[in-house]
Protein backbone atom coordinates (compact mmCIF):
# COMPACT_ATOMS: atom_id res chain seq x y z
CA UNK A 1 96.52 91.44 101.08
CA UNK A 2 96.10 87.74 101.33
CA UNK A 3 99.37 86.61 102.60
CA UNK A 4 98.14 82.78 102.62
CA UNK A 5 98.56 83.07 98.49
CA UNK A 6 101.60 85.23 98.12
CA UNK A 7 105.23 84.33 98.35
CA UNK A 8 106.34 83.58 101.84
CA UNK A 9 109.89 84.21 101.08
CA UNK A 10 110.77 87.64 99.81
CA UNK A 11 112.85 87.62 96.63
CA UNK A 12 115.41 90.96 96.42
CA UNK A 13 114.55 93.41 93.59
CA UNK A 14 118.32 93.69 92.70
CA UNK A 15 119.18 96.36 89.87
CA UNK A 16 120.89 93.70 87.94
CA UNK A 17 117.25 91.78 87.65
CA UNK A 18 115.51 94.96 86.49
CA UNK A 19 118.20 95.87 83.97
CA UNK A 20 118.34 92.07 82.68
CA UNK A 21 114.43 92.14 82.59
CA UNK A 22 114.29 95.47 80.58
CA UNK A 23 116.80 93.99 78.16
CA UNK A 24 114.63 91.05 77.67
CA UNK A 25 111.30 93.18 77.12
CA UNK A 26 113.54 95.01 74.45
CA UNK A 27 113.50 91.87 72.55
CA UNK A 28 110.01 90.62 72.93
CA UNK A 29 108.34 92.08 69.69
CA UNK A 30 105.13 93.26 69.87
CA UNK A 31 103.93 91.68 72.99
CA UNK A 32 106.32 94.26 74.94
CA UNK A 33 105.14 96.95 72.72
CA UNK A 34 102.37 99.49 73.86
CA UNK A 35 101.62 100.71 70.47
CA UNK A 36 100.83 97.61 68.84
CA UNK A 37 99.13 94.43 70.67
CA UNK A 38 99.21 90.92 69.63
CA UNK A 39 96.16 88.00 69.76
CA UNK A 40 92.69 88.00 69.36
CA UNK A 41 90.46 91.12 70.25
CA UNK A 42 87.62 89.17 71.46
CA UNK A 43 89.95 88.13 74.29
CA UNK A 44 91.69 88.88 77.15
CA UNK A 45 94.55 87.28 79.08
CA UNK A 46 94.67 87.51 82.86
CA UNK A 47 97.25 86.00 85.49
CA UNK A 48 95.38 86.11 88.76
CA UNK A 49 96.30 85.85 92.71
CA UNK A 50 92.66 84.91 93.35
CA UNK A 51 93.54 81.03 92.41
CA UNK A 52 91.51 78.09 93.33
CA UNK A 53 90.84 77.65 97.03
CA UNK A 54 91.24 81.69 97.59
CA UNK A 55 88.16 82.99 99.28
CA UNK A 56 87.74 85.55 96.42
CA UNK A 57 87.65 82.98 93.68
CA UNK A 58 84.04 82.55 93.63
CA UNK A 59 83.36 86.11 93.26
CA UNK A 60 85.93 86.51 90.73
CA UNK A 61 84.50 83.51 88.64
CA UNK A 62 81.10 85.43 88.81
CA UNK A 63 82.81 88.64 87.48
CA UNK A 64 84.21 86.81 84.61
CA UNK A 65 81.26 85.00 83.44
CA UNK A 66 79.14 88.06 83.60
CA UNK A 67 81.85 90.04 81.56
CA UNK A 68 82.05 87.57 78.81
CA UNK A 69 78.36 87.29 78.45
CA UNK A 70 78.03 91.05 78.40
CA UNK A 71 80.84 91.81 76.00
CA UNK A 72 81.32 88.51 74.32
CA UNK A 73 85.27 88.67 75.28
CA UNK A 74 86.60 85.57 76.49
CA UNK A 75 88.75 85.44 79.75
CA UNK A 76 91.83 83.50 79.46
CA UNK A 77 92.61 83.10 83.13
CA UNK A 78 95.91 81.75 84.84
CA UNK A 79 96.30 80.98 88.28
CA UNK A 80 99.18 82.75 89.82
CA UNK A 81 101.59 80.39 91.64
CA UNK A 82 103.16 81.36 94.99
CA UNK A 83 106.11 82.94 92.71
CA UNK A 84 103.83 84.96 90.88
CA UNK A 85 106.05 87.82 90.27
CA UNK A 86 108.76 85.57 88.64
CA UNK A 87 105.97 83.74 86.55
CA UNK A 88 104.58 86.84 84.97
CA UNK A 89 108.28 88.17 84.39
CA UNK A 90 109.30 85.03 82.60
CA UNK A 91 106.11 85.13 80.63
CA UNK A 92 106.81 88.72 79.51
CA UNK A 93 110.35 88.13 78.85
CA UNK A 94 109.31 85.08 76.68
CA UNK A 95 106.75 87.42 74.74
CA UNK A 96 103.72 85.71 76.25
CA UNK A 97 102.94 88.68 78.38
CA UNK A 98 99.34 88.90 79.80
CA UNK A 99 97.14 91.80 79.64
CA UNK A 100 96.42 92.20 83.23
CA UNK A 101 97.76 90.85 86.44
CA UNK A 102 95.71 90.82 89.51
CA UNK A 103 98.09 90.90 92.25
CA UNK A 104 99.53 92.11 95.35
CA UNK A 105 101.46 95.29 95.58
CA UNK A 106 104.63 94.01 97.26
CA UNK A 107 108.22 93.11 96.88
CA UNK A 108 109.04 92.60 92.94
CA UNK A 109 105.77 94.06 91.83
CA UNK A 110 106.88 97.26 93.26
CA UNK A 111 109.83 97.32 90.48
CA UNK A 112 107.63 96.12 87.78
CA UNK A 113 106.69 99.81 86.47
CA UNK A 114 110.64 100.66 86.09
CA UNK A 115 111.49 97.47 84.81
CA UNK A 116 109.18 97.82 81.85
CA UNK A 117 106.26 94.97 83.10
CA UNK A 118 103.60 97.34 83.70
CA UNK A 119 102.50 101.00 82.81
CA UNK A 120 101.25 103.93 85.20
CA UNK A 121 97.45 103.83 85.11
CA UNK A 122 96.83 107.78 86.14
CA UNK A 123 95.36 108.75 82.85
CA UNK A 124 93.12 105.24 82.94
CA UNK A 125 91.98 106.42 86.51
CA UNK A 126 90.43 109.44 85.12
CA UNK A 127 89.47 108.25 81.89
CA UNK A 128 87.49 105.40 82.96
CA UNK A 129 85.48 107.18 85.71
CA UNK A 130 87.13 105.70 88.76
CA UNK A 131 88.79 108.68 90.20
CA UNK A 132 85.60 110.04 91.84
CA UNK A 133 84.84 106.36 93.24
CA UNK A 134 88.14 105.48 94.69
CA UNK A 135 89.61 106.59 98.47
CA UNK A 136 92.61 108.85 97.77
CA UNK A 137 94.41 106.97 100.94
CA UNK A 138 94.01 103.58 98.79
CA UNK A 139 95.22 105.11 95.57
CA UNK A 140 98.22 106.71 97.59
CA UNK A 141 99.25 103.09 98.80
CA UNK A 142 99.59 102.38 95.10
CA UNK A 143 101.70 105.18 94.08
CA UNK A 144 105.44 105.10 93.52
CA UNK A 145 107.13 105.75 96.98
CA UNK A 146 103.52 105.96 98.75
CA UNK A 147 103.42 109.52 97.78
CA UNK A 148 100.63 111.55 96.32
CA UNK A 149 102.55 112.91 93.79
CA UNK A 150 104.09 109.50 92.56
CA UNK A 151 102.99 107.42 89.58
CA UNK A 152 100.05 105.05 89.88
CA UNK A 153 101.31 101.68 89.80
CA UNK A 154 98.02 100.03 89.36
CA UNK A 155 94.36 99.97 90.69
CA UNK A 156 93.70 98.87 94.48
CA UNK A 157 90.79 96.40 94.98
CA UNK A 158 91.33 94.21 97.80
CA UNK A 159 91.98 96.35 101.25
CA UNK A 160 92.22 94.85 104.45
CA UNK A 161 92.06 95.29 108.03
CA UNK A 162 94.20 93.64 110.52
CA UNK A 163 93.21 93.64 114.35
CA UNK A 164 93.97 91.58 117.31
CA UNK A 165 91.49 88.90 117.82
CA UNK A 166 90.64 87.91 121.18
CA UNK A 167 88.60 84.93 122.42
CA UNK A 168 86.20 86.20 125.13
CA UNK A 169 85.38 82.80 126.45
CA UNK A 170 88.89 81.86 126.99
CA UNK A 171 89.75 85.28 128.67
CA UNK A 172 86.82 84.75 130.96
CA UNK A 173 87.65 81.02 131.94
CA UNK A 174 91.05 82.84 133.03
CA UNK A 175 89.37 85.31 134.89
CA UNK A 176 90.14 88.51 132.50
CA UNK A 177 86.79 90.14 132.35
CA UNK A 178 87.65 93.05 129.94
CA UNK A 179 89.67 93.17 126.66
CA UNK A 180 93.37 94.43 127.85
CA UNK A 181 93.75 97.88 126.33
CA UNK A 182 97.27 98.82 127.89
CA UNK A 183 100.43 96.43 127.76
CA UNK A 184 100.55 96.05 131.63
CA UNK A 185 96.72 94.48 131.45
CA UNK A 186 98.14 92.80 128.42
CA UNK A 187 101.03 90.93 130.50
CA UNK A 188 98.87 90.43 133.49
CA UNK A 189 96.14 88.65 131.24
CA UNK A 190 98.84 86.71 129.81
CA UNK A 191 99.95 85.49 133.30
CA UNK A 192 96.16 84.54 134.16
CA UNK A 193 95.73 82.81 130.80
CA UNK A 194 98.97 80.65 131.37
CA UNK A 195 97.82 79.66 135.21
CA UNK A 196 94.86 78.45 133.41
CA UNK A 197 96.97 76.51 130.98
CA UNK A 198 95.77 78.62 128.11
CA UNK A 199 98.32 79.99 125.55
CA UNK A 200 98.18 83.68 125.38
CA UNK A 201 98.84 85.56 122.16
CA UNK A 202 99.85 83.22 119.39
CA UNK A 203 102.17 84.47 116.80
CA UNK A 204 104.31 82.87 113.79
CA UNK A 205 107.52 84.16 114.93
CA UNK A 206 109.19 82.65 112.07
CA UNK A 207 107.34 84.04 109.33
CA UNK A 208 105.66 87.36 108.00
CA UNK A 209 102.78 87.15 110.95
CA UNK A 210 105.61 87.55 113.35
CA UNK A 211 107.27 90.44 111.36
CA UNK A 212 104.09 92.36 111.47
CA UNK A 213 103.48 91.99 115.01
CA UNK A 214 106.86 92.92 115.96
CA UNK A 215 106.46 96.18 113.80
CA UNK A 216 103.49 96.97 115.31
CA UNK A 217 104.95 97.06 118.80
CA UNK A 218 108.09 98.45 117.53
CA UNK A 219 106.28 101.63 116.57
CA UNK A 220 104.55 102.16 119.60
CA UNK A 221 106.52 105.47 120.56
CA UNK A 222 107.15 106.74 117.10
CA UNK A 223 105.62 109.11 114.76
CA UNK A 224 104.66 107.57 111.34
CA UNK A 225 107.06 109.79 109.16
CA UNK A 226 110.01 108.61 111.31
CA UNK A 227 109.06 105.23 111.35
CA UNK A 228 108.55 104.88 107.49
CA UNK A 229 112.11 106.60 107.24
CA UNK A 230 113.57 103.85 109.14
CA UNK A 231 111.82 101.03 107.83
CA UNK A 232 113.11 102.29 104.49
CA UNK A 233 116.73 103.25 105.32
CA UNK A 234 117.58 101.97 108.38
CA UNK A 235 118.57 103.78 111.61
CA UNK A 236 116.67 101.38 114.03
CA UNK A 237 119.49 101.63 116.74
CA UNK A 238 120.26 105.15 116.44
CA UNK A 239 116.28 106.25 116.74
CA UNK A 240 115.63 106.50 120.70
CA UNK A 241 111.79 106.05 120.10
CA UNK A 242 112.28 103.05 117.90
CA UNK A 243 114.65 101.52 120.48
CA UNK A 244 112.01 102.00 123.00
CA UNK A 245 109.52 100.14 121.23
CA UNK A 246 112.07 97.34 120.54
CA UNK A 247 112.62 96.96 124.25
CA UNK A 248 108.88 96.84 124.70
CA UNK A 249 108.71 94.07 122.57
CA UNK A 250 111.42 92.11 124.51
CA UNK A 251 109.58 93.12 127.73
CA UNK A 252 106.41 91.49 126.23
CA UNK A 253 108.37 88.51 125.27
CA UNK A 254 109.93 88.02 128.51
CA UNK A 255 106.74 88.85 130.35
CA UNK A 256 104.90 85.53 128.51
CA UNK A 257 102.74 87.39 126.24
CA UNK A 258 103.73 85.44 123.19
CA UNK A 259 102.68 81.67 123.01
CA UNK A 260 105.33 79.18 123.67
CA UNK A 261 108.05 78.41 121.24
CA UNK A 262 106.55 81.54 119.23
CA UNK A 263 110.08 81.32 117.10
CA UNK A 264 109.52 78.27 115.94
CA UNK A 265 105.82 78.73 114.70
CA UNK A 266 104.57 79.87 111.39
CA UNK A 267 101.31 81.38 110.46
CA UNK A 268 99.47 78.08 109.82
CA UNK A 269 100.23 77.17 113.31
CA UNK A 270 99.28 80.57 114.70
CA UNK A 271 95.61 80.22 112.77
CA UNK A 272 95.27 76.24 114.04
CA UNK A 273 95.95 77.40 117.65
CA UNK A 274 93.41 80.20 117.67
CA UNK A 275 90.55 78.41 115.96
CA UNK A 276 90.74 75.59 118.07
CA UNK A 277 90.76 77.36 121.25
CA UNK A 278 94.46 76.61 122.26
CA UNK A 279 95.29 80.25 122.44
CA UNK A 280 93.16 83.49 123.63
CA UNK A 281 94.79 85.81 121.33
CA UNK A 282 96.40 86.28 117.86
CA UNK A 283 96.81 89.35 115.33
CA UNK A 284 95.31 88.29 111.93
CA UNK A 285 93.82 90.03 108.78
CA UNK A 286 90.50 90.21 107.43
CA UNK A 287 91.27 87.38 104.97
CA UNK A 288 91.08 85.19 107.83
CA UNK A 289 87.49 85.70 108.88
CA UNK A 290 85.87 83.26 106.52
CA UNK A 291 88.49 80.57 107.62
CA UNK A 292 87.38 81.12 111.30
CA UNK A 293 84.10 80.02 110.20
CA UNK A 294 84.90 77.32 108.07
CA UNK A 295 87.16 75.87 111.04
CA UNK A 296 83.53 74.66 112.39
CA UNK A 297 84.53 75.35 115.91
CA UNK A 298 82.45 78.57 116.30
CA UNK A 299 85.54 80.44 117.29
CA UNK A 300 84.05 83.29 115.40
CA UNK A 301 81.03 83.67 117.76
CA UNK A 302 83.27 84.46 120.63
CA UNK A 303 85.76 86.64 119.18
CA UNK A 304 86.12 90.39 119.59
CA UNK A 305 88.21 92.26 117.53
CA UNK A 306 90.17 95.31 118.79
CA UNK A 307 93.54 96.77 118.93
CA UNK A 308 96.99 95.93 120.19
CA UNK A 309 97.31 97.25 123.61
CA UNK A 310 99.09 100.42 124.35
CA UNK A 311 102.06 101.23 126.81
CA UNK A 312 102.40 104.40 128.64
CA UNK A 313 103.52 107.29 126.70
CA UNK A 314 102.59 105.84 123.34
CA UNK A 315 102.49 108.01 120.52
CA UNK A 316 99.03 106.57 119.71
CA UNK A 317 95.84 107.64 121.43
CA UNK A 318 93.99 104.22 121.09
CA UNK A 319 95.08 100.41 120.61
CA UNK A 320 96.37 99.99 117.35
CA UNK A 321 95.59 97.67 114.27
CA UNK A 322 96.79 97.65 110.73
CA UNK A 323 94.63 98.71 107.58
CA UNK A 324 95.72 99.05 104.08
CA UNK A 325 95.17 98.60 100.46
CA UNK A 326 98.15 96.91 99.26
CA UNK A 327 96.48 93.72 98.95
CA UNK A 328 95.25 92.66 95.55
CA UNK A 329 94.86 95.05 92.58
CA UNK A 330 95.03 95.37 88.98
CA UNK A 331 98.24 95.83 87.28
CA UNK A 332 98.10 96.54 83.46
CA UNK A 333 101.15 95.24 81.34
CA UNK A 334 102.50 96.99 78.24
CA UNK A 335 100.73 94.50 76.15
CA UNK A 336 97.32 95.16 77.75
CA UNK A 337 98.00 98.95 77.22
CA UNK A 338 98.48 98.49 73.47
CA UNK A 339 96.01 100.13 71.24
CA UNK A 340 93.96 97.13 70.13
CA UNK A 341 93.82 95.85 73.65
CA UNK A 342 93.26 98.82 76.06
CA UNK A 343 89.37 98.70 75.52
CA UNK A 344 88.71 95.10 76.47
CA UNK A 345 91.13 95.94 79.61
CA UNK A 346 88.83 98.88 80.17
CA UNK A 347 85.84 97.04 80.27
CA UNK A 348 87.34 94.08 82.29
CA UNK A 349 88.57 96.21 85.11
CA UNK A 350 85.74 98.62 85.44
CA UNK A 351 83.59 95.60 85.88
CA UNK A 352 85.04 94.86 89.23
CA UNK A 353 84.16 98.15 90.59
CA UNK A 354 80.39 98.58 90.48
CA UNK A 355 78.79 98.52 94.23
CA UNK A 356 77.23 95.35 93.67
CA UNK A 357 80.40 93.46 92.57
CA UNK A 358 82.70 95.22 95.25
CA UNK A 359 79.82 94.23 97.87
CA UNK A 360 80.43 90.35 96.55
CA UNK A 361 83.86 90.33 97.50
CA UNK A 362 83.10 91.71 100.73
CA UNK A 363 80.65 89.08 101.66
CA UNK A 364 83.02 86.31 100.16
CA UNK A 365 86.40 87.61 100.78
CA UNK A 366 86.20 90.08 103.57
CA UNK A 367 87.79 92.83 101.90
CA UNK A 368 88.26 96.43 103.05
CA UNK A 369 86.64 98.36 99.68
CA UNK A 370 88.85 100.86 98.19
CA UNK A 371 85.84 102.64 96.95
CA UNK A 372 83.46 104.82 98.84
CA UNK A 373 80.18 103.46 99.68
CA UNK A 374 78.12 101.61 102.62
CA UNK A 375 78.86 98.05 102.18
CA UNK A 376 77.87 97.22 105.79
CA UNK A 377 74.78 95.30 104.46
CA UNK A 378 77.11 93.04 102.50
CA UNK A 379 79.19 92.08 105.88
CA UNK A 380 77.31 88.75 106.50
CA UNK A 381 80.34 87.32 108.43
CA UNK A 382 80.13 88.46 112.07
CA UNK A 383 83.80 89.37 112.11
CA UNK A 384 83.63 91.24 108.94
CA UNK A 385 80.62 93.36 110.48
CA UNK A 386 82.87 93.87 113.48
CA UNK A 387 85.85 94.93 111.25
CA UNK A 388 84.19 97.45 109.34
CA UNK A 389 83.45 99.30 112.54
CA UNK A 390 86.94 99.32 113.74
CA UNK A 391 87.80 102.89 112.68
CA UNK A 392 85.72 104.22 115.69
CA UNK A 393 87.90 102.34 118.44
CA UNK A 394 91.61 101.76 116.93
CA UNK A 395 94.48 104.04 115.58
CA UNK A 396 96.11 102.50 112.60
CA UNK A 397 99.84 102.00 112.68
CA UNK A 398 102.12 102.02 109.64
CA UNK A 399 102.05 98.52 107.76
CA UNK A 400 105.72 97.73 107.03
CA UNK A 401 105.39 96.10 103.66
CA UNK A 402 105.86 98.96 101.08
CA UNK A 403 108.67 100.58 103.53
CA UNK A 404 110.82 97.66 104.29
CA UNK A 405 110.41 96.08 100.57
CA UNK A 406 113.23 93.80 99.56
CA UNK A 407 114.72 93.55 103.19
CA UNK A 408 111.40 91.67 104.18
CA UNK A 409 113.02 88.31 103.96
CA UNK A 410 116.16 89.09 105.88
CA UNK A 411 114.28 90.98 108.44
CA UNK A 412 112.46 87.85 109.11
CA UNK A 413 115.46 86.05 109.90
CA UNK A 414 116.39 88.63 112.34
CA UNK A 415 112.84 88.60 113.94
CA UNK A 416 112.97 84.79 114.41
CA UNK A 417 115.60 85.61 116.90
CA UNK A 418 113.83 88.23 118.46
CA UNK A 419 110.95 86.10 119.31
CA UNK A 420 113.85 83.75 120.88
CA UNK A 421 116.00 85.42 123.30
CA UNK A 422 117.83 88.12 121.25
CA UNK A 423 118.49 91.32 123.33
CA UNK A 424 117.19 94.72 121.89
CA UNK A 425 120.57 95.73 120.74
CA UNK A 426 120.94 92.59 118.68
CA UNK A 427 117.61 92.73 117.32
CA UNK A 428 118.38 96.51 115.84
CA UNK A 429 121.80 95.72 114.85
CA UNK A 430 120.21 92.76 112.77
CA UNK A 431 117.46 95.09 111.45
CA UNK A 432 120.18 97.83 110.50
CA UNK A 433 122.35 95.27 108.58
CA UNK A 434 119.66 93.78 106.64
CA UNK A 435 118.10 97.09 105.58
CA UNK A 436 121.71 97.99 104.54
CA UNK A 437 122.50 94.97 102.75
CA UNK A 438 119.53 94.82 100.63
CA UNK A 439 119.53 98.53 99.82
CA UNK A 440 123.03 98.57 98.80
């Protein structure tokens, strides 16, 4: 899940859009027909999220070249735009469908199978010998509804970890000798940091980064099943444990934990503040590890990755982090599934899942592998090496993306106010309205 290269603004998966796209596909001729493909059998057409500038682009390029050298099949790759979902849908509707889309499972792509853009890959998983290699938890996240019985929408590849980053040099400067593990300790550490003229926890309260941190805090007292239900269907105000978590968020906000003007910051500002040593803490994912080193500030050498501190009475036993596999994966279009193109698709996709290739992406892009194996030797980045050991010290909270779906954008608008001065009651009401209005 590389948030830097996916659409910032979430677009609604409206029923009318899905219906219109389905009608368009019906008139696309052979390019939308799973029985007969079009185009040269010695090429494969790919739209990829790993575009130029992405940390995974170099590793992807090496796979493309090795694949073509071994098979003689040319890869026609198109960079995915910020609106990659619209880009692909428009291409499909125009009869110019790619064979494979390398993309996040998020927002509109969650509806592609129903819309007829892509096909289920359950049979391919077995036929291509990948079933025994893949982690069941990674596959489940790519199934419809996130359920083991749901159809598999694509093959996961780029998993992520999402811990809290602690600049231990800044903490020590402020007189904080240990990483806080409780919210009381977090508030106390924030006061000491502010007294030393150091911003505490920097966060983009105006975009997805603030949204994720809010949900991590809000579910502090709630079990996973209940949290998923509330995120999917609403009921924030009516669920006492969730309301308790929202009130905890406001207590941390009012206690000075978040950086000044958090409601006006975005993720770019968050990264800049942490990398430059102006803030002592941030919540950020594994895709940012390589950028930390590239910042050339040395921040990665005095950063400890850990979990978000817990309040007394929390549902969790250990400080929390996020982990997931809804980052970049492979989705096969109806054209790619056609009889004269699927064999090239098979060769192309399976070439990514050798241990050496997965390890190359671990090294270059800091991905959490969806396959079983020991990839620690590829973790040359010090932060990635820490990240691969997090399982022993943190509990994993529910990542909201799949569950809030198309409500994501209006929810961000509500939470911008939450990082300002909104009360807990106003926050929960806004979340319920945002969820209701996008589900109706």
